[in-house]
Amino acid sequence: MTVRRPLIRYHGGKWRLAPWIIQHLPSHRCYVEPFGGGASVLLRKPRSYAEVYNDLDGEIVNLFQVARDDGERLARACELTPFARAEFDDAYNPAEDLLEQARRTVFRSFSGFGSAAVTGQASGFRANSNRSGTTPAHDWMNYPDCLRMLIQRLRGVVIENRDAIDCMTRHDGPDTLHYVDPPYVHSTRSFRARAHSYRHELDDDQHKALASALHQLKGPVVVSGYRCDLYDTLFDGWTRIDGLAHADGARPRVESLWLSPNIQHNSLFQERAA
């Protein structure tokens, strides 16, 4: 069963880039995404023997847990949710019920402009109906069926809500691949995106601490980001691969991958037998 769309629209999500990223992932038995976000690569890659999704944002983690454990009820709740401005406004209010909170999170994501709404930032309601092709309301109408495919893919995935370095250390091993997609370095972002793009940001010192931890891991590491002087220094000696991406607003950007020295650059993705 092929997953056709992401669970949520998330800042820096790699849905379109995922096939390109996946072809550069080395053989592994365990797969870890310590900065999970929308989990675009996890959802589109072949299933591994063991898989770990982690994010520090508790609201996003709740959505993934509900989708995995109570997905049919979530899909039904989305089917019954009209594409309405009042629903969008209400989705910013926290809910005590975990399933209802998950419904609000995903509706806020799909009915707001850009990727800001999913982390609770102010955003307008995508009510436009005069565009060519499908409208946002059409997208929402089709979402529950896509969600059912996502539910199948999330079965068996370990979902964590902890510090990224702690998560990687806990699950590390020679056969563990860490796909690391942290918040973009601030100097690489547009002025508008430099503040509050994520609930949990990293400053330059935290990027340095992260890189130091990555150098100590036993398993192979693949890092995503925009090329910058900081990363050129932190990952000196790693293989860098550049690819074209589009940021919010469809601006072309060069997205880079840094592959740790223990990865054979010319090895395409293949699963190691369990």
Foldseek 3Di string as FASTA:
>chain_A
DAQDDFLFQAAPDCQVVLVVVQQQDAAFQEEEELCCTRVNNLRHHPDHNAYEHEHQDPLVLLLLVCLQPVVVVLLVVLLVDALDPVLLVCLLDADPDSSVVSNSLRSVRLQFPHRQRNQNDDGDGQPDDPDPDDGSRNVSNPPSVSSVSSNVSSPRYHYYNDRSLVVCVVPFDARYEYEYEAPEALVPDDPVCNPRSDPDHDYLVRVLVVLVSQVPTNYKYKYKYADDPSVCVSQPPWDKDWDWDAGRVRDIGIMIITIHPVRDRPHTDDYDDD
